[in-house]
Amino acid sequence: EHGLGKVFDENIHVPMIVRAPGVRPARITTPVSGVDVAPTL
């Protein structure tokens, strides 16, 4: 499962899918973060 103290790929690599008008589908391969959601929106 998951828990505190977990920093391995299985625990921190999660999907982030953004669908927005005027934005073409793309796969971003560099690391992104949950703190990127608000600036993106």
PDB file of all heavy atoms in Angstrom:
ATOM      1  N   GLU A   1       0.823  -1.197   0.000  1.00  0.00           N
ATOM      2  CA  GLU A   1       0.000   0.000   0.000  1.00  0.00           C
ATOM      3  C   GLU A   1       0.862   1.254   0.000  1.00  0.00           C
ATOM      4  O   GLU A   1       1.929   1.286  -0.592  1.00  0.00           O
ATOM      5  CB  GLU A   1      -1.005  -0.014   1.159  1.00  0.00           C
ATOM      6  CG  GLU A   1      -1.986  -1.175   1.081  1.00  0.00           C
ATOM      7  CD  GLU A   1      -2.941  -1.213   2.250  1.00  0.00           C
ATOM      8  OE1 GLU A   1      -2.652  -0.644   3.301  1.00  0.00           O
ATOM      9  OE2 GLU A   1      -3.999  -1.824   2.075  1.00  0.00           O
ATOM     10  N   HIS A   2       0.405   2.292   0.661  1.00  0.00           N
ATOM     11  CA  HIS A   2       1.134   3.552   0.701  1.00  0.00           C
ATOM     12  C   HIS A   2       1.250   3.976   2.153  1.00  0.00           C
ATOM     13  O   HIS A   2       0.670   3.387   3.035  1.00  0.00           O
ATOM     14  CB  HIS A   2       0.400   4.626  -0.110  1.00  0.00           C
ATOM     15  CG  HIS A   2      -0.933   4.974   0.490  1.00  0.00           C
ATOM     16  ND1 HIS A   2      -2.050   4.218   0.237  1.00  0.00           N
ATOM     17  CD2 HIS A   2      -1.313   5.946   1.332  1.00  0.00           C
ATOM     18  CE1 HIS A   2      -3.071   4.739   0.902  1.00  0.00           C
ATOM     19  NE2 HIS A   2      -2.653   5.788   1.568  1.00  0.00           N
ATOM     20  N   GLY A   3       1.985   4.994   2.367  1.00  0.00           N
ATOM     21  CA  GLY A   3       2.113   5.486   3.724  1.00  0.00           C
ATOM     22  C   GLY A   3       3.077   6.650   3.779  1.00  0.00           C
ATOM     23  O   GLY A   3       3.636   7.070   2.768  1.00  0.00           O
ATOM     24  N   LEU A   4       3.256   7.141   4.945  1.00  0.00           N
ATOM     25  CA  LEU A   4       4.171   8.248   5.143  1.00  0.00           C
ATOM     26  C   LEU A   4       5.603   7.776   4.930  1.00  0.00           C
ATOM     27  O   LEU A   4       5.940   6.639   5.202  1.00  0.00           O
ATOM     28  CB  LEU A   4       4.007   8.803   6.560  1.00  0.00           C
ATOM     29  CG  LEU A   4       2.608   9.316   6.893  1.00  0.00           C
ATOM     30  CD1 LEU A   4       2.504   9.636   8.369  1.00  0.00           C
ATOM     31  CD2 LEU A   4       2.278  10.531   6.070  1.00  0.00           C
ATOM     32  N   GLY A   5       6.433   8.644   4.446  1.00  0.00           N
ATOM     33  CA  GLY A   5       7.829   8.310   4.271  1.00  0.00           C
ATOM     34  C   GLY A   5       8.145   7.621   2.969  1.00  0.00           C
ATOM     35  O   GLY A   5       9.265   7.206   2.739  1.00  0.00           O
ATOM     36  N   LYS A   6       7.168   7.483   2.086  1.00  0.00           N
ATOM     37  CA  LYS A   6       7.379   6.774   0.831  1.00  0.00           C
ATOM     38  C   LYS A   6       7.753   7.758  -0.267  1.00  0.00           C
ATOM     39  O   LYS A   6       6.981   8.652  -0.595  1.00  0.00           O
ATOM     40  CB  LYS A   6       6.130   6.010   0.411  1.00  0.00           C
ATOM     41  CG  LYS A   6       5.564   5.113   1.494  1.00  0.00           C
ATOM     42  CD  LYS A   6       6.557   4.057   1.905  1.00  0.00           C
ATOM     43  CE  LYS A   6       5.913   3.125   2.915  1.00  0.00           C
ATOM     44  NZ  LYS A   6       6.848   2.450   3.747  1.00  0.00           N
ATOM     45  N   VAL A   7       8.922   7.581  -0.853  1.00  0.00           N
ATOM     46  CA  VAL A   7       9.374   8.477  -1.914  1.00  0.00           C
ATOM     47  C   VAL A   7       9.762   7.710  -3.179  1.00  0.00           C
ATOM     48  O   VAL A   7      10.400   8.248  -4.065  1.00  0.00           O
ATOM     49  CB  VAL A   7      10.556   9.365  -1.455  1.00  0.00           C
ATOM     50  CG1 VAL A   7      10.152  10.252  -0.291  1.00  0.00           C
ATOM     51  CG2 VAL A   7      11.765   8.520  -1.084  1.00  0.00           C
ATOM     52  N   PHE A   8       9.379   6.446  -3.262  1.00  0.00           N
ATOM     53  CA  PHE A   8       9.728   5.626  -4.409  1.00  0.00           C
ATOM     54  C   PHE A   8       8.744   5.868  -5.547  1.00  0.00           C
ATOM     55  O   PHE A   8       7.622   6.336  -5.343  1.00  0.00           O
ATOM     56  CB  PHE A   8       9.755   4.146  -4.009  1.00  0.00           C
ATOM     57  CG  PHE A   8      10.730   3.864  -2.899  1.00  0.00           C
ATOM     58  CD1 PHE A   8      10.283   3.541  -1.630  1.00  0.00           C
ATOM     59  CD2 PHE A   8      12.094   3.950  -3.125  1.00  0.00           C
ATOM     60  CE1 PHE A   8      11.181   3.287  -0.603  1.00  0.00           C
ATOM     61  CE2 PHE A   8      13.001   3.698  -2.106  1.00  0.00           C
ATOM     62  CZ  PHE A   8      12.547   3.370  -0.846  1.00  0.00           C
ATOM     63  N   ASP A   9       9.159   5.518  -6.780  1.00  0.00           N
ATOM     64  CA  ASP A   9       8.323   5.748  -7.962  1.00  0.00           C
ATOM     65  C   ASP A   9       6.903   5.226  -7.777  1.00  0.00           C
ATOM     66  O   ASP A   9       5.941   5.884  -8.175  1.00  0.00           O
ATOM     67  CB  ASP A   9       8.935   5.084  -9.194  1.00  0.00           C
ATOM     68  CG  ASP A   9      10.169   5.816  -9.703  1.00  0.00           C
ATOM     69  OD1 ASP A   9      10.440   6.939  -9.233  1.00  0.00           O
ATOM     70  OD2 ASP A   9      10.857   5.261 -10.580  1.00  0.00           O
ATOM     71  N   GLU A  10       6.762   4.040  -7.221  1.00  0.00           N
ATOM     72  CA  GLU A  10       5.433   3.436  -7.052  1.00  0.00           C
ATOM     73  C   GLU A  10       4.512   4.328  -6.220  1.00  0.00           C
ATOM     74  O   GLU A  10       3.297   4.283  -6.391  1.00  0.00           O
ATOM     75  CB  GLU A  10       5.541   2.067  -6.366  1.00  0.00           C
ATOM     76  CG  GLU A  10       6.299   1.040  -7.154  1.00  0.00           C
ATOM     77  CD  GLU A  10       7.819   1.167  -7.021  1.00  0.00           C
ATOM     78  OE1 GLU A  10       8.296   1.883  -6.122  1.00  0.00           O
ATOM     79  OE2 GLU A  10       8.517   0.558  -7.834  1.00  0.00           O
ATOM     80  N   ASN A  11       5.082   5.113  -5.333  1.00  0.00           N
ATOM     81  CA  ASN A  11       4.285   5.948  -4.445  1.00  0.00           C
ATOM     82  C   ASN A  11       4.065   7.364  -4.965  1.00  0.00           C
ATOM     83  O   ASN A  11       3.045   7.978  -4.679  1.00  0.00           O
ATOM     84  CB  ASN A  11       4.927   6.021  -3.059  1.00  0.00           C
ATOM     85  CG  ASN A  11       5.162   4.661  -2.460  1.00  0.00           C
ATOM     86  OD1 ASN A  11       6.297   4.222  -2.367  1.00  0.00           O
ATOM     87  ND2 ASN A  11       4.110   3.972  -2.080  1.00  0.00           N
ATOM     88  N   ILE A  12       5.045   7.894  -5.719  1.00  0.00           N
ATOM     89  CA  ILE A  12       4.937   9.306  -6.106  1.00  0.00           C
ATOM     90  C   ILE A  12       4.638   9.543  -7.575  1.00  0.00           C
ATOM     91  O   ILE A  12       4.243  10.638  -7.945  1.00  0.00           O
ATOM     92  CB  ILE A  12       6.190  10.104  -5.700  1.00  0.00           C
ATOM     93  CG1 ILE A  12       7.413   9.640  -6.466  1.00  0.00           C
ATOM     94  CG2 ILE A  12       6.404  10.040  -4.197  1.00  0.00           C
ATOM     95  CD1 ILE A  12       8.614  10.557  -6.303  1.00  0.00           C
ATOM     96  N   HIS A  13       4.820   8.552  -8.440  1.00  0.00           N
ATOM     97  CA  HIS A  13       4.477   8.739  -9.854  1.00  0.00           C
ATOM     98  C   HIS A  13       2.995   8.448 -10.035  1.00  0.00           C
ATOM     99  O   HIS A  13       2.561   7.307  -9.958  1.00  0.00           O
ATOM    100  CB  HIS A  13       5.310   7.822 -10.736  1.00  0.00           C
ATOM    101  CG  HIS A  13       6.702   8.322 -10.927  1.00  0.00           C
ATOM    102  ND1 HIS A  13       7.539   7.808 -11.872  1.00  0.00           N
ATOM    103  CD2 HIS A  13       7.410   9.287 -10.303  1.00  0.00           C
ATOM    104  CE1 HIS A  13       8.701   8.430 -11.812  1.00  0.00           C
ATOM    105  NE2 HIS A  13       8.639   9.317 -10.866  1.00  0.00           N
ATOM    106  N   VAL A  14       2.237   9.505 -10.242  1.00  0.00           N
ATOM    107  CA  VAL A  14       0.793   9.377 -10.395  1.00  0.00           C
ATOM    108  C   VAL A  14       0.378  10.080 -11.683  1.00  0.00           C
ATOM    109  O   VAL A  14       1.087  10.953 -12.179  1.00  0.00           O
ATOM    110  CB  VAL A  14       0.031   9.976  -9.191  1.00  0.00           C
ATOM    111  CG1 VAL A  14       0.376   9.247  -7.911  1.00  0.00           C
ATOM    112  CG2 VAL A  14       0.306  11.462  -9.041  1.00  0.00           C
ATOM    113  N   PRO A  15      -0.767   9.727 -12.218  1.00  0.00           N
ATOM    114  CA  PRO A  15      -1.211  10.417 -13.431  1.00  0.00           C
ATOM    115  C   PRO A  15      -1.631  11.847 -13.131  1.00  0.00           C
ATOM    116  O   PRO A  15      -2.122  12.148 -12.040  1.00  0.00           O
ATOM    117  CB  PRO A  15      -2.410   9.590 -13.898  1.00  0.00           C
ATOM    118  CG  PRO A  15      -2.888   8.887 -12.683  1.00  0.00           C
ATOM    119  CD  PRO A  15      -1.688   8.686 -11.804  1.00  0.00           C
ATOM    120  N   MET A  16      -1.383  12.719 -14.070  1.00  0.00           N
ATOM    121  CA  MET A  16      -1.961  14.063 -14.056  1.00  0.00           C
ATOM    122  C   MET A  16      -2.422  14.300 -15.489  1.00  0.00           C
ATOM    123  O   MET A  16      -1.613  14.422 -16.401  1.00  0.00           O
ATOM    124  CB  MET A  16      -0.974  15.141 -13.639  1.00  0.00           C
ATOM    125  CG  MET A  16      -1.619  16.523 -13.615  1.00  0.00           C
ATOM    126  SD  MET A  16      -0.493  17.905 -13.295  1.00  0.00           S
ATOM    127  CE  MET A  16      -0.066  17.639 -11.586  1.00  0.00           C
ATOM    128  N   ILE A  17      -3.718  14.295 -15.671  1.00  0.00           N
ATOM    129  CA  ILE A  17      -4.300  14.440 -16.997  1.00  0.00           C
ATOM    130  C   ILE A  17      -5.034  15.777 -17.036  1.00  0.00           C
ATOM    131  O   ILE A  17      -5.875  16.050 -16.179  1.00  0.00           O
ATOM    132  CB  ILE A  17      -5.272  13.279 -17.298  1.00  0.00           C
ATOM    133  CG1 ILE A  17      -4.516  11.946 -17.191  1.00  0.00           C
ATOM    134  CG2 ILE A  17      -5.911  13.453 -18.665  1.00  0.00           C
ATOM    135  CD1 ILE A  17      -5.414  10.738 -17.115  1.00  0.00           C
ATOM    136  N   VAL A  18      -4.665  16.597 -18.005  1.00  0.00           N
ATOM    137  CA  VAL A  18      -5.289  17.906 -18.151  1.00  0.00           C
ATOM    138  C   VAL A  18      -5.971  17.949 -19.508  1.00  0.00           C
ATOM    139  O   VAL A  18      -5.343  17.692 -20.530  1.00  0.00           O
ATOM    140  CB  VAL A  18      -4.241  19.041 -18.051  1.00  0.00           C
ATOM    141  CG1 VAL A  18      -4.905  20.405 -18.233  1.00  0.00           C
ATOM    142  CG2 VAL A  18      -3.492  18.975 -16.723  1.00  0.00           C
ATOM    143  N   ARG A  19      -7.248  18.254 -19.508  1.00  0.00           N
ATOM    144  CA  ARG A  19      -8.005  18.447 -20.742  1.00  0.00           C
ATOM    145  C   ARG A  19      -8.509  19.879 -20.699  1.00  0.00           C
ATOM    146  O   ARG A  19      -9.174  20.283 -19.751  1.00  0.00           O
ATOM    147  CB  ARG A  19      -9.181  17.462 -20.799  1.00  0.00           C
ATOM    148  CG  ARG A  19      -9.985  17.549 -22.074  1.00  0.00           C
ATOM    149  CD  ARG A  19     -11.151  18.492 -21.885  1.00  0.00           C
ATOM    150  NE  ARG A  19     -11.892  18.668 -23.117  1.00  0.00           N
ATOM    151  CZ  ARG A  19     -12.530  19.772 -23.415  1.00  0.00           C
ATOM    152  NH1 ARG A  19     -12.528  20.800 -22.618  1.00  0.00           N
ATOM    153  NH2 ARG A  19     -13.193  19.872 -24.536  1.00  0.00           N
ATOM    154  N   ALA A  20      -8.131  20.658 -21.715  1.00  0.00           N
ATOM    155  CA  ALA A  20      -8.531  22.057 -21.726  1.00  0.00           C
ATOM    156  C   ALA A  20      -8.753  22.520 -23.155  1.00  0.00           C
ATOM    157  O   ALA A  20      -8.077  22.054 -24.075  1.00  0.00           O
ATOM    158  CB  ALA A  20      -7.460  22.916 -21.052  1.00  0.00           C
ATOM    159  N   PRO A  21      -9.669  23.449 -23.336  1.00  0.00           N
ATOM    160  CA  PRO A  21      -9.925  23.978 -24.677  1.00  0.00           C
ATOM    161  C   PRO A  21      -8.658  24.641 -25.231  1.00  0.00           C
ATOM    162  O   PRO A  21      -7.952  25.351 -24.529  1.00  0.00           O
ATOM    163  CB  PRO A  21     -11.019  25.021 -24.468  1.00  0.00           C
ATOM    164  CG  PRO A  21     -11.485  24.875 -23.073  1.00  0.00           C
ATOM    165  CD  PRO A  21     -10.504  24.057 -22.324  1.00  0.00           C
ATOM    166  N   GLY A  22      -8.366  24.364 -26.491  1.00  0.00           N
ATOM    167  CA  GLY A  22      -7.234  25.006 -27.150  1.00  0.00           C
ATOM    168  C   GLY A  22      -5.882  24.410 -26.828  1.00  0.00           C
ATOM    169  O   GLY A  22      -4.864  24.894 -27.314  1.00  0.00           O
ATOM    170  N   VAL A  23      -5.843  23.373 -26.006  1.00  0.00           N
ATOM    171  CA  VAL A  23      -4.567  22.745 -25.653  1.00  0.00           C
ATOM    172  C   VAL A  23      -4.508  21.391 -26.344  1.00  0.00           C
ATOM    173  O   VAL A  23      -5.364  20.537 -26.123  1.00  0.00           O
ATOM    174  CB  VAL A  23      -4.425  22.584 -24.121  1.00  0.00           C
ATOM    175  CG1 VAL A  23      -3.134  21.863 -23.776  1.00  0.00           C
ATOM    176  CG2 VAL A  23      -4.482  23.938 -23.436  1.00  0.00           C
ATOM    177  N   ARG A  24      -3.485  21.217 -27.179  1.00  0.00           N
ATOM    178  CA  ARG A  24      -3.329  19.951 -27.893  1.00  0.00           C
ATOM    179  C   ARG A  24      -2.799  18.883 -26.950  1.00  0.00           C
ATOM    180  O   ARG A  24      -1.988  19.181 -26.069  1.00  0.00           O
ATOM    181  CB  ARG A  24      -2.384  20.138 -29.069  1.00  0.00           C
ATOM    182  CG  ARG A  24      -3.006  21.033 -30.141  1.00  0.00           C
ATOM    183  CD  ARG A  24      -2.126  21.233 -31.342  1.00  0.00           C
ATOM    184  NE  ARG A  24      -1.651  19.973 -31.890  1.00  0.00           N
ATOM    185  CZ  ARG A  24      -0.599  19.881 -32.689  1.00  0.00           C
ATOM    186  NH1 ARG A  24       0.079  20.948 -33.026  1.00  0.00           N
ATOM    187  NH2 ARG A  24      -0.218  18.712 -33.161  1.00  0.00           N
ATOM    188  N   PRO A  25      -3.228  17.639 -27.117  1.00  0.00           N
ATOM    189  CA  PRO A  25      -2.731  16.555 -26.264  1.00  0.00           C
ATOM    190  C   PRO A  25      -1.207  16.428 -26.361  1.00  0.00           C
ATOM    191  O   PRO A  25      -0.636  16.517 -27.448  1.00  0.00           O
ATOM    192  CB  PRO A  25      -3.405  15.309 -26.836  1.00  0.00           C
ATOM    193  CG  PRO A  25      -4.611  15.815 -27.551  1.00  0.00           C
ATOM    194  CD  PRO A  25      -4.229  17.169 -28.081  1.00  0.00           C
ATOM    195  N   ALA A  26      -0.573  16.260 -25.220  1.00  0.00           N
ATOM    196  CA  ALA A  26       0.886  16.123 -25.165  1.00  0.00           C
ATOM    197  C   ALA A  26       1.255  15.272 -23.971  1.00  0.00           C
ATOM    198  O   ALA A  26       0.548  15.257 -22.962  1.00  0.00           O
ATOM    199  CB  ALA A  26       1.545  17.498 -25.035  1.00  0.00           C
ATOM    200  N   ARG A  27       2.363  14.589 -24.085  1.00  0.00           N
ATOM    201  CA  ARG A  27       2.894  13.817 -22.963  1.00  0.00           C
ATOM    202  C   ARG A  27       4.131  14.550 -22.457  1.00  0.00           C
ATOM    203  O   ARG A  27       5.105  14.707 -23.188  1.00  0.00           O
ATOM    204  CB  ARG A  27       3.251  12.412 -23.396  1.00  0.00           C
ATOM    205  CG  ARG A  27       3.784  11.579 -22.253  1.00  0.00           C
ATOM    206  CD  ARG A  27       4.110  10.158 -22.732  1.00  0.00           C
ATOM    207  NE  ARG A  27       4.378   9.321 -21.603  1.00  0.00           N
ATOM    208  CZ  ARG A  27       3.476   8.592 -20.951  1.00  0.00           C
ATOM    209  NH1 ARG A  27       2.231   8.597 -21.345  1.00  0.00           N
ATOM    210  NH2 ARG A  27       3.816   7.845 -19.926  1.00  0.00           N
ATOM    211  N   ILE A  28       4.066  15.012 -21.224  1.00  0.00           N
ATOM    212  CA  ILE A  28       5.186  15.722 -20.614  1.00  0.00           C
ATOM    213  C   ILE A  28       6.025  14.691 -19.870  1.00  0.00           C
ATOM    214  O   ILE A  28       5.507  13.964 -19.019  1.00  0.00           O
ATOM    215  CB  ILE A  28       4.680  16.826 -19.658  1.00  0.00           C
ATOM    216  CG1 ILE A  28       3.883  17.862 -20.455  1.00  0.00           C
ATOM    217  CG2 ILE A  28       5.834  17.462 -18.905  1.00  0.00           C
ATOM    218  CD1 ILE A  28       3.191  18.894 -19.604  1.00  0.00           C
ATOM    219  N   THR A  29       7.300  14.624 -20.191  1.00  0.00           N
ATOM    220  CA  THR A  29       8.148  13.589 -19.604  1.00  0.00           C
ATOM    221  C   THR A  29       9.015  14.107 -18.461  1.00  0.00           C
ATOM    222  O   THR A  29       9.578  13.307 -17.727  1.00  0.00           O
ATOM    223  CB  THR A  29       9.061  12.958 -20.676  1.00  0.00           C
ATOM    224  OG1 THR A  29       9.850  13.984 -21.269  1.00  0.00           O
ATOM    225  CG2 THR A  29       8.224  12.261 -21.745  1.00  0.00           C
ATOM    226  N   THR A  30       9.125  15.412 -18.301  1.00  0.00           N
ATOM    227  CA  THR A  30       9.886  15.938 -17.172  1.00  0.00           C
ATOM    228  C   THR A  30       9.001  15.914 -15.931  1.00  0.00           C
ATOM    229  O   THR A  30       7.774  15.934 -16.036  1.00  0.00           O
ATOM    230  CB  THR A  30      10.371  17.387 -17.439  1.00  0.00           C
ATOM    231  OG1 THR A  30       9.232  18.202 -17.715  1.00  0.00           O
ATOM    232  CG2 THR A  30      11.351  17.428 -18.587  1.00  0.00           C
ATOM    233  N   PRO A  31       9.598  15.865 -14.741  1.00  0.00           N
ATOM    234  CA  PRO A  31       8.777  15.809 -13.523  1.00  0.00           C
ATOM    235  C   PRO A  31       7.872  17.033 -13.371  1.00  0.00           C
ATOM    236  O   PRO A  31       8.266  18.151 -13.671  1.00  0.00           O
ATOM    237  CB  PRO A  31       9.816  15.777 -12.397  1.00  0.00           C
ATOM    238  CG  PRO A  31      11.063  15.264 -13.028  1.00  0.00           C
ATOM    239  CD  PRO A  31      11.023  15.765 -14.440  1.00  0.00           C
ATOM    240  N   VAL A  32       6.662  16.765 -12.938  1.00  0.00           N
ATOM    241  CA  VAL A  32       5.715  17.818 -12.588  1.00  0.00           C
ATOM    242  C   VAL A  32       5.239  17.535 -11.165  1.00  0.00           C
ATOM    243  O   VAL A  32       5.572  16.508 -10.588  1.00  0.00           O
ATOM    244  CB  VAL A  32       4.528  17.907 -13.579  1.00  0.00           C
ATOM    245  CG1 VAL A  32       5.028  18.210 -14.974  1.00  0.00           C
ATOM    246  CG2 VAL A  32       3.692  16.670 -13.559  1.00  0.00           C
ATOM    247  N   SER A  33       4.462  18.444 -10.621  1.00  0.00           N
ATOM    248  CA  SER A  33       4.068  18.312  -9.227  1.00  0.00           C
ATOM    249  C   SER A  33       2.628  18.774  -9.041  1.00  0.00           C
ATOM    250  O   SER A  33       2.090  19.510  -9.870  1.00  0.00           O
ATOM    251  CB  SER A  33       5.009  19.167  -8.363  1.00  0.00           C
ATOM    252  OG  SER A  33       4.598  19.157  -7.020  1.00  0.00           O
ATOM    253  N   GLY A  34       2.049  18.367  -7.943  1.00  0.00           N
ATOM    254  CA  GLY A  34       0.699  18.817  -7.606  1.00  0.00           C
ATOM    255  C   GLY A  34       0.615  20.333  -7.486  1.00  0.00           C
ATOM    256  O   GLY A  34      -0.446  20.915  -7.727  1.00  0.00           O
ATOM    257  N   VAL A  35       1.733  20.996  -7.139  1.00  0.00           N
ATOM    258  CA  VAL A  35       1.713  22.456  -7.039  1.00  0.00           C
ATOM    259  C   VAL A  35       1.604  23.123  -8.403  1.00  0.00           C
ATOM    260  O   VAL A  35       1.419  24.331  -8.488  1.00  0.00           O
ATOM    261  CB  VAL A  35       2.939  23.026  -6.274  1.00  0.00           C
ATOM    262  CG1 VAL A  35       2.978  22.527  -4.845  1.00  0.00           C
ATOM    263  CG2 VAL A  35       4.221  22.731  -6.999  1.00  0.00           C
ATOM    264  N   ASP A  36       1.690  22.324  -9.487  1.00  0.00           N
ATOM    265  CA  ASP A  36       1.553  22.869 -10.840  1.00  0.00           C
ATOM    266  C   ASP A  36       0.091  22.965 -11.284  1.00  0.00           C
ATOM    267  O   ASP A  36      -0.195  23.606 -12.296  1.00  0.00           O
ATOM    268  CB  ASP A  36       2.319  21.998 -11.845  1.00  0.00           C
ATOM    269  CG  ASP A  36       3.809  21.957 -11.560  1.00  0.00           C
ATOM    270  OD1 ASP A  36       4.343  22.941 -11.005  1.00  0.00           O
ATOM    271  OD2 ASP A  36       4.442  20.934 -11.886  1.00  0.00           O
ATOM    272  N   VAL A  37      -0.827  22.344 -10.556  1.00  0.00           N
ATOM    273  CA  VAL A  37      -2.235  22.344 -10.966  1.00  0.00           C
ATOM    274  C   VAL A  37      -2.816  23.752 -10.947  1.00  0.00           C
ATOM    275  O   VAL A  37      -3.397  24.203 -11.940  1.00  0.00           O
ATOM    276  CB  VAL A  37      -3.075  21.388 -10.083  1.00  0.00           C
ATOM    277  CG1 VAL A  37      -4.555  21.515 -10.400  1.00  0.00           C
ATOM    278  CG2 VAL A  37      -2.614  19.944 -10.274  1.00  0.00           C
ATOM    279  N   ALA A  38      -2.668  24.470  -9.846  1.00  0.00           N
ATOM    280  CA  ALA A  38      -3.260  25.817  -9.748  1.00  0.00           C
ATOM    281  C   ALA A  38      -2.677  26.768 -10.794  1.00  0.00           C
ATOM    282  O   ALA A  38      -3.449  27.440 -11.500  1.00  0.00           O
ATOM    283  CB  ALA A  38      -3.088  26.377  -8.339  1.00  0.00           C
ATOM    284  N   PRO A  39      -1.343  26.863 -10.956  1.00  0.00           N
ATOM    285  CA  PRO A  39      -0.828  27.762 -11.999  1.00  0.00           C
ATOM    286  C   PRO A  39      -1.294  27.372 -13.408  1.00  0.00           C
ATOM    287  O   PRO A  39      -1.537  28.244 -14.248  1.00  0.00           O
ATOM    288  CB  PRO A  39       0.693  27.637 -11.877  1.00  0.00           C
ATOM    289  CG  PRO A  39       0.950  27.123 -10.524  1.00  0.00           C
ATOM    290  CD  PRO A  39      -0.253  26.305 -10.155  1.00  0.00           C
ATOM    291  N   THR A  40      -1.426  26.068 -13.664  1.00  0.00           N
ATOM    292  CA  THR A  40      -1.889  25.624 -14.979  1.00  0.00           C
ATOM    293  C   THR A  40      -3.325  26.077 -15.221  1.00  0.00           C
ATOM    294  O   THR A  40      -3.638  26.638 -16.281  1.00  0.00           O
ATOM    295  CB  THR A  40      -1.784  24.089 -15.092  1.00  0.00           C
ATOM    296  OG1 THR A  40      -0.409  23.710 -14.929  1.00  0.00           O
ATOM    297  CG2 THR A  40      -2.302  23.594 -16.426  1.00  0.00           C
ATOM    298  N   LEU A  41      -4.205  25.862 -14.260  1.00  0.00           N
ATOM    299  CA  LEU A  41      -5.605  26.277 -14.417  1.00  0.00           C
ATOM    300  C   LEU A  41      -5.729  27.798 -14.504  1.00  0.00           C
ATOM    301  O   LEU A  41      -6.512  28.319 -15.307  1.00  0.00           O
ATOM    302  CB  LEU A  41      -6.456  25.731 -13.274  1.00  0.00           C
ATOM    303  CG  LEU A  41      -6.684  24.223 -13.301  1.00  0.00           C
ATOM    304  CD1 LEU A  41      -7.418  23.761 -12.047  1.00  0.00           C
ATOM    305  CD2 LEU A  41      -7.445  23.799 -14.547  1.00  0.00           C
TER     306      LEU A  41
END
